[in-house]
PDB file of N, CA and C in Angstrom:
ATOM      1  N   UNK A   1     123.200 154.456 138.647  1.00  0.00           N
ATOM      2  CA  UNK A   1     123.999 153.285 138.915  1.00  0.00           C
ATOM      3  C   UNK A   1     123.087 152.187 139.432  1.00  0.00           C
ATOM      4  N   UNK A   2     123.549 150.963 139.308  1.00  0.00           N
ATOM      5  CA  UNK A   2     122.790 149.838 139.844  1.00  0.00           C
ATOM      6  C   UNK A   2     122.950 149.770 141.360  1.00  0.00           C
ATOM      7  N   UNK A   3     121.916 149.299 142.006  1.00  0.00           N
ATOM      8  CA  UNK A   3     121.998 149.116 143.456  1.00  0.00           C
ATOM      9  C   UNK A   3     123.120 148.141 143.797  1.00  0.00           C
ATOM     10  N   UNK A   4     123.394 147.210 142.913  1.00  0.00           N
ATOM     11  CA  UNK A   4     124.507 146.285 143.109  1.00  0.00           C
ATOM     12  C   UNK A   4     125.795 147.049 143.384  1.00  0.00           C
ATOM     13  N   UNK A   5     126.077 148.046 142.568  1.00  0.00           N
ATOM     14  CA  UNK A   5     127.292 148.853 142.730  1.00  0.00           C
ATOM     15  C   UNK A   5     127.265 149.600 144.054  1.00  0.00           C
ATOM     16  N   UNK A   6     126.125 150.203 144.367  1.00  0.00           N
ATOM     17  CA  UNK A   6     125.987 150.948 145.617  1.00  0.00           C
ATOM     18  C   UNK A   6     126.202 150.042 146.831  1.00  0.00           C
ATOM     19  N   UNK A   7     125.583 148.864 146.812  1.00  0.00           N
ATOM     20  CA  UNK A   7     125.723 147.922 147.926  1.00  0.00           C
ATOM     21  C   UNK A   7     127.166 147.431 148.048  1.00  0.00           C
ATOM     22  N   UNK A   8     127.811 147.200 146.922  1.00  0.00           N
ATOM     23  CA  UNK A   8     129.217 146.767 146.948  1.00  0.00           C
ATOM     24  C   UNK A   8     130.089 147.850 147.574  1.00  0.00           C
ATOM     25  N   UNK A   9     129.874 149.090 147.154  1.00  0.00           N
ATOM     26  CA  UNK A   9     130.667 150.199 147.691  1.00  0.00           C
ATOM     27  C   UNK A   9     130.385 150.441 149.169  1.00  0.00           C
ATOM     28  N   UNK A  10     129.110 150.322 149.581  1.00  0.00           N
ATOM     29  CA  UNK A  10     128.759 150.528 150.990  1.00  0.00           C
ATOM     30  C   UNK A  10     129.497 149.550 151.883  1.00  0.00           C
ATOM     31  N   UNK A  11     129.788 148.379 151.351  1.00  0.00           N
ATOM     32  CA  UNK A  11     130.481 147.350 152.129  1.00  0.00           C
ATOM     33  C   UNK A  11     132.000 147.394 151.917  1.00  0.00           C
ATOM     34  N   UNK A  12     132.449 148.419 151.192  1.00  0.00           N
ATOM     35  CA  UNK A  12     133.877 148.572 150.894  1.00  0.00           C
ATOM     36  C   UNK A  12     134.465 147.333 150.233  1.00  0.00           C
ATOM     37  N   UNK A  13     133.686 146.755 149.311  1.00  0.00           N
ATOM     38  CA  UNK A  13     134.146 145.590 148.565  1.00  0.00           C
ATOM     39  C   UNK A  13     134.638 146.017 147.192  1.00  0.00           C
ATOM     40  N   UNK A  14     135.770 145.502 146.801  1.00  0.00           N
ATOM     41  CA  UNK A  14     136.212 145.683 145.430  1.00  0.00           C
ATOM     42  C   UNK A  14     135.441 144.701 144.551  1.00  0.00           C
ATOM     43  N   UNK A  15     135.516 144.886 143.270  1.00  0.00           N
ATOM     44  CA  UNK A  15     134.901 143.910 142.370  1.00  0.00           C
ATOM     45  C   UNK A  15     135.565 142.549 142.554  1.00  0.00           C
ATOM     46  N   UNK A  16     136.863 142.562 142.791  1.00  0.00           N
ATOM     47  CA  UNK A  16     137.584 141.300 142.986  1.00  0.00           C
ATOM     48  C   UNK A  16     137.091 140.582 144.244  1.00  0.00           C
ATOM     49  N   UNK A  17     136.904 141.317 145.334  1.00  0.00           N
ATOM     50  CA  UNK A  17     136.457 140.698 146.578  1.00  0.00           C
ATOM     51  C   UNK A  17     135.022 140.191 146.450  1.00  0.00           C
ATOM     52  N   UNK A  18     134.137 141.009 145.861  1.00  0.00           N
ATOM     53  CA  UNK A  18     132.766 140.557 145.654  1.00  0.00           C
ATOM     54  C   UNK A  18     132.745 139.336 144.751  1.00  0.00           C
ATOM     55  N   UNK A  19     133.547 139.380 143.700  1.00  0.00           N
ATOM     56  CA  UNK A  19     133.628 138.237 142.794  1.00  0.00           C
ATOM     57  C   UNK A  19     134.079 136.973 143.502  1.00  0.00           C
ATOM     58  N   UNK A  20     135.059 137.114 144.387  1.00  0.00           N
ATOM     59  CA  UNK A  20     135.544 135.952 145.140  1.00  0.00           C
ATOM     60  C   UNK A  20     134.452 135.417 146.060  1.00  0.00           C
ATOM     61  N   UNK A  21     133.739 136.304 146.724  1.00  0.00           N
ATOM     62  CA  UNK A  21     132.685 135.884 147.643  1.00  0.00           C
ATOM     63  C   UNK A  21     131.513 135.221 146.916  1.00  0.00           C
ATOM     64  N   UNK A  22     131.220 135.711 145.703  1.00  0.00           N
ATOM     65  CA  UNK A  22     130.072 135.201 144.945  1.00  0.00           C
ATOM     66  C   UNK A  22     130.471 134.195 143.865  1.00  0.00           C
ATOM     67  N   UNK A  23     131.759 133.901 143.754  1.00  0.00           N
ATOM     68  CA  UNK A  23     132.274 132.994 142.737  1.00  0.00           C
ATOM     69  C   UNK A  23     131.899 133.459 141.334  1.00  0.00           C
ATOM     70  N   UNK A  24     132.151 134.756 141.095  1.00  0.00           N
ATOM     71  CA  UNK A  24     131.933 135.371 139.783  1.00  0.00           C
ATOM     72  C   UNK A  24     133.209 136.148 139.458  1.00  0.00           C
ATOM     73  N   UNK A  25     133.721 136.001 138.256  1.00  0.00           N
ATOM     74  CA  UNK A  25     134.954 136.687 137.891  1.00  0.00           C
ATOM     75  C   UNK A  25     134.767 138.206 138.017  1.00  0.00           C
ATOM     76  N   UNK A  26     135.771 138.920 138.558  1.00  0.00           N
ATOM     77  CA  UNK A  26     135.647 140.370 138.737  1.00  0.00           C
ATOM     78  C   UNK A  26     135.314 141.132 137.455  1.00  0.00           C
ATOM     79  N   UNK A  27     135.815 140.673 136.321  1.00  0.00           N
ATOM     80  CA  UNK A  27     135.496 141.359 135.067  1.00  0.00           C
ATOM     81  C   UNK A  27     134.015 141.221 134.736  1.00  0.00           C
ATOM     82  N   UNK A  28     133.429 140.103 135.131  1.00  0.00           N
ATOM     83  CA  UNK A  28     131.996 139.911 134.911  1.00  0.00           C
ATOM     84  C   UNK A  28     131.194 140.833 135.832  1.00  0.00           C
ATOM     85  N   UNK A  29     131.663 141.030 137.066  1.00  0.00           N
ATOM     86  CA  UNK A  29     131.014 141.979 137.974  1.00  0.00           C
ATOM     87  C   UNK A  29     131.018 143.368 137.325  1.00  0.00           C
ATOM     88  N   UNK A  30     132.143 143.752 136.766  1.00  0.00           N
ATOM     89  CA  UNK A  30     132.243 145.048 136.091  1.00  0.00           C
ATOM     90  C   UNK A  30     131.301 145.159 134.908  1.00  0.00           C
ATOM     91  N   UNK A  31     131.200 144.094 134.134  1.00  0.00           N
ATOM     92  CA  UNK A  31     130.303 144.111 132.974  1.00  0.00           C
ATOM     93  C   UNK A  31     128.843 144.178 133.402  1.00  0.00           C
ATOM     94  N   UNK A  32     128.500 143.511 134.506  1.00  0.00           N
ATOM     95  CA  UNK A  32     127.139 143.587 135.038  1.00  0.00           C
ATOM     96  C   UNK A  32     126.852 145.003 135.511  1.00  0.00           C
ATOM     97  N   UNK A  33     127.775 145.570 136.286  1.00  0.00           N
ATOM     98  CA  UNK A  33     127.574 146.907 136.833  1.00  0.00           C
ATOM     99  C   UNK A  33     127.456 147.968 135.739  1.00  0.00           C
ATOM    100  N   UNK A  34     128.148 147.768 134.635  1.00  0.00           N
ATOM    101  CA  UNK A  34     128.095 148.746 133.546  1.00  0.00           C
ATOM    102  C   UNK A  34     126.912 148.523 132.614  1.00  0.00           C
ATOM    103  N   UNK A  35     126.175 147.433 132.838  1.00  0.00           N
ATOM    104  CA  UNK A  35     125.019 147.151 132.005  1.00  0.00           C
ATOM    105  C   UNK A  35     125.333 146.432 130.710  1.00  0.00           C
ATOM    106  N   UNK A  36     126.568 146.002 130.540  1.00  0.00           N
ATOM    107  CA  UNK A  36     126.947 145.298 129.317  1.00  0.00           C
ATOM    108  C   UNK A  36     126.640 143.812 129.357  1.00  0.00           C
ATOM    109  N   UNK A  37     126.290 143.299 130.551  1.00  0.00           N
ATOM    110  CA  UNK A  37     126.022 141.873 130.706  1.00  0.00           C
ATOM    111  C   UNK A  37     124.831 141.688 131.634  1.00  0.00           C
ATOM    112  N   UNK A  38     123.883 140.881 131.179  1.00  0.00           N
ATOM    113  CA  UNK A  38     122.743 140.526 132.030  1.00  0.00           C
ATOM    114  C   UNK A  38     123.177 139.334 132.873  1.00  0.00           C
ATOM    115  N   UNK A  39     123.035 139.429 134.197  1.00  0.00           N
ATOM    116  CA  UNK A  39     123.513 138.334 135.049  1.00  0.00           C
ATOM    117  C   UNK A  39     122.658 137.082 134.915  1.00  0.00           C
ATOM    118  N   UNK A  40     123.322 135.955 134.998  1.00  0.00           N
ATOM    119  CA  UNK A  40     122.643 134.669 134.976  1.00  0.00           C
ATOM    120  C   UNK A  40     121.944 134.453 136.313  1.00  0.00           C
ATOM    121  N   UNK A  41     120.850 133.680 136.310  1.00  0.00           N
ATOM    122  CA  UNK A  41     120.092 133.425 137.533  1.00  0.00           C
ATOM    123  C   UNK A  41     120.955 132.901 138.682  1.00  0.00           C
ATOM    124  N   UNK A  42     121.864 131.949 138.432  1.00  0.00           N
ATOM    125  CA  UNK A  42     122.699 131.478 139.549  1.00  0.00           C
ATOM    126  C   UNK A  42     123.573 132.600 140.134  1.00  0.00           C
ATOM    127  N   UNK A  43     124.033 133.513 139.288  1.00  0.00           N
ATOM    128  CA  UNK A  43     124.830 134.640 139.780  1.00  0.00           C
ATOM    129  C   UNK A  43     123.982 135.543 140.654  1.00  0.00           C
ATOM    130  N   UNK A  44     122.745 135.782 140.232  1.00  0.00           N
ATOM    131  CA  UNK A  44     121.845 136.635 141.013  1.00  0.00           C
ATOM    132  C   UNK A  44     121.652 136.040 142.400  1.00  0.00           C
ATOM    133  N   UNK A  45     121.445 134.741 142.465  1.00  0.00           N
ATOM    134  CA  UNK A  45     121.262 134.076 143.761  1.00  0.00           C
ATOM    135  C   UNK A  45     122.503 134.206 144.641  1.00  0.00           C
ATOM    136  N   UNK A  46     123.681 134.067 144.035  1.00  0.00           N
ATOM    137  CA  UNK A  46     124.920 134.185 144.812  1.00  0.00           C
ATOM    138  C   UNK A  46     125.122 135.614 145.310  1.00  0.00           C
ATOM    139  N   UNK A  47     124.821 136.591 144.450  1.00  0.00           N
ATOM    140  CA  UNK A  47     124.959 137.999 144.861  1.00  0.00           C
ATOM    141  C   UNK A  47     123.964 138.347 145.968  1.00  0.00           C
ATOM    142  N   UNK A  48     122.750 137.831 145.860  1.00  0.00           N
ATOM    143  CA  UNK A  48     121.741 138.015 146.925  1.00  0.00           C
ATOM    144  C   UNK A  48     122.282 137.521 148.258  1.00  0.00           C
ATOM    145  N   UNK A  49     122.843 136.339 148.229  1.00  0.00           N
ATOM    146  CA  UNK A  49     123.345 135.714 149.448  1.00  0.00           C
ATOM    147  C   UNK A  49     124.496 136.515 150.060  1.00  0.00           C
ATOM    148  N   UNK A  50     125.412 136.958 149.222  1.00  0.00           N
ATOM    149  CA  UNK A  50     126.577 137.701 149.703  1.00  0.00           C
ATOM    150  C   UNK A  50     126.177 139.079 150.231  1.00  0.00           C
ATOM    151  N   UNK A  51     125.301 139.773 149.508  1.00  0.00           N
ATOM    152  CA  UNK A  51     124.964 141.153 149.870  1.00  0.00           C
ATOM    153  C   UNK A  51     123.727 141.273 150.753  1.00  0.00           C
ATOM    154  N   UNK A  52     122.945 140.216 150.858  1.00  0.00           N
ATOM    155  CA  UNK A  52     121.756 140.262 151.687  1.00  0.00           C
ATOM    156  C   UNK A  52     120.670 141.179 151.156  1.00  0.00           C
ATOM    157  N   UNK A  53     120.625 141.321 149.836  1.00  0.00           N
ATOM    158  CA  UNK A  53     119.631 142.170 149.173  1.00  0.00           C
ATOM    159  C   UNK A  53     118.927 141.314 148.121  1.00  0.00           C
ATOM    160  N   UNK A  54     117.588 141.380 148.059  1.00  0.00           N
ATOM    161  CA  UNK A  54     116.866 140.598 147.048  1.00  0.00           C
ATOM    162  C   UNK A  54     117.374 140.907 145.633  1.00  0.00           C
ATOM    163  N   UNK A  55     117.475 139.871 144.827  1.00  0.00           N
ATOM    164  CA  UNK A  55     118.010 139.999 143.476  1.00  0.00           C
ATOM    165  C   UNK A  55     117.280 141.000 142.617  1.00  0.00           C
ATOM    166  N   UNK A  56     115.947 141.078 142.751  1.00  0.00           N
ATOM    167  CA  UNK A  56     115.212 142.025 141.916  1.00  0.00           C
ATOM    168  C   UNK A  56     115.562 143.465 142.273  1.00  0.00           C
ATOM    169  N   UNK A  57     116.011 143.702 143.498  1.00  0.00           N
ATOM    170  CA  UNK A  57     116.411 145.047 143.907  1.00  0.00           C
ATOM    171  C   UNK A  57     117.844 145.375 143.497  1.00  0.00           C
ATOM    172  N   UNK A  58     118.696 144.357 143.400  1.00  0.00           N
ATOM    173  CA  UNK A  58     120.099 144.599 143.063  1.00  0.00           C
ATOM    174  C   UNK A  58     120.288 145.241 141.692  1.00  0.00           C
ATOM    175  N   UNK A  59     119.322 145.036 140.803  1.00  0.00           N
ATOM    176  CA  UNK A  59     119.506 145.504 139.430  1.00  0.00           C
ATOM    177  C   UNK A  59     118.617 146.691 139.084  1.00  0.00           C
ATOM    178  N   UNK A  60     118.117 147.361 140.130  1.00  0.00           N
ATOM    179  CA  UNK A  60     117.377 148.609 139.949  1.00  0.00           C
ATOM    180  C   UNK A  60     118.370 149.765 139.881  1.00  0.00           C
ATOM    181  N   UNK A  61     118.004 150.773 139.114  1.00  0.00           N
ATOM    182  CA  UNK A  61     118.813 151.989 139.064  1.00  0.00           C
ATOM    183  C   UNK A  61     118.540 152.805 140.326  1.00  0.00           C
ATOM    184  N   UNK A  62     119.599 153.307 140.958  1.00  0.00           N
ATOM    185  CA  UNK A  62     119.478 154.141 142.146  1.00  0.00           C
ATOM    186  C   UNK A  62     120.366 155.371 141.987  1.00  0.00           C
ATOM    187  N   UNK A  63     120.067 156.405 142.770  1.00  0.00           N
ATOM    188  CA  UNK A  63     120.906 157.599 142.778  1.00  0.00           C
ATOM    189  C   UNK A  63     122.150 157.325 143.597  1.00  0.00           C
ATOM    190  N   UNK A  64     123.253 157.875 143.138  1.00  0.00           N
ATOM    191  CA  UNK A  64     124.509 157.770 143.872  1.00  0.00           C
ATOM    192  C   UNK A  64     124.564 158.955 144.838  1.00  0.00           C
ATOM    193  N   UNK A  65     123.846 158.824 145.953  1.00  0.00           N
ATOM    194  CA  UNK A  65     123.632 159.924 146.883  1.00  0.00           C
ATOM    195  C   UNK A  65     124.946 160.520 147.383  1.00  0.00           C
ATOM    196  N   UNK A  66     125.891 159.665 147.716  1.00  0.00           N
ATOM    197  CA  UNK A  66     127.138 160.174 148.292  1.00  0.00           C
ATOM    198  C   UNK A  66     128.319 160.042 147.331  1.00  0.00           C
ATOM    199  N   UNK A  67     128.032 159.888 146.038  1.00  0.00           N
ATOM    200  CA  UNK A  67     129.086 159.773 145.028  1.00  0.00           C
ATOM    201  C   UNK A  67     130.082 158.664 145.309  1.00  0.00           C
ATOM    202  N   UNK A  68     129.589 157.592 145.961  1.00  0.00           N
ATOM    203  CA  UNK A  68     130.445 156.443 146.219  1.00  0.00           C
ATOM    204  C   UNK A  68     131.356 156.601 147.417  1.00  0.00           C
ATOM    205  N   UNK A  69     131.266 157.724 148.116  1.00  0.00           N
ATOM    206  CA  UNK A  69     132.118 157.944 149.284  1.00  0.00           C
ATOM    207  C   UNK A  69     131.385 157.450 150.519  1.00  0.00           C
ATOM    208  N   UNK A  70     131.502 156.184 150.783  1.00  0.00           N
ATOM    209  CA  UNK A  70     130.817 155.580 151.926  1.00  0.00           C
ATOM    210  C   UNK A  70     131.822 155.376 153.048  1.00  0.00           C
ATOM    211  N   UNK A  71     131.347 155.555 154.262  1.00  0.00           N
ATOM    212  CA  UNK A  71     132.269 155.252 155.339  1.00  0.00           C
ATOM    213  C   UNK A  71     131.940 155.886 156.592  1.00  0.00           C
TER     214      UNK A  71
END
């Protein structure tokens, strides 16, 4: 999975909430997370700002250590 997905889940954000915070439509967040869409540079900057993670790290593949069960 992308670190973007992991970071979103760690913060208990839905795609809709992350999309609202970053001004990106939730369906686009889903397409980015699934690898069907390469994010535009302005989106990367907005996601960096919202999640506090450098953009180049957000799109690295990471292990889903806890299977998305964060809390």
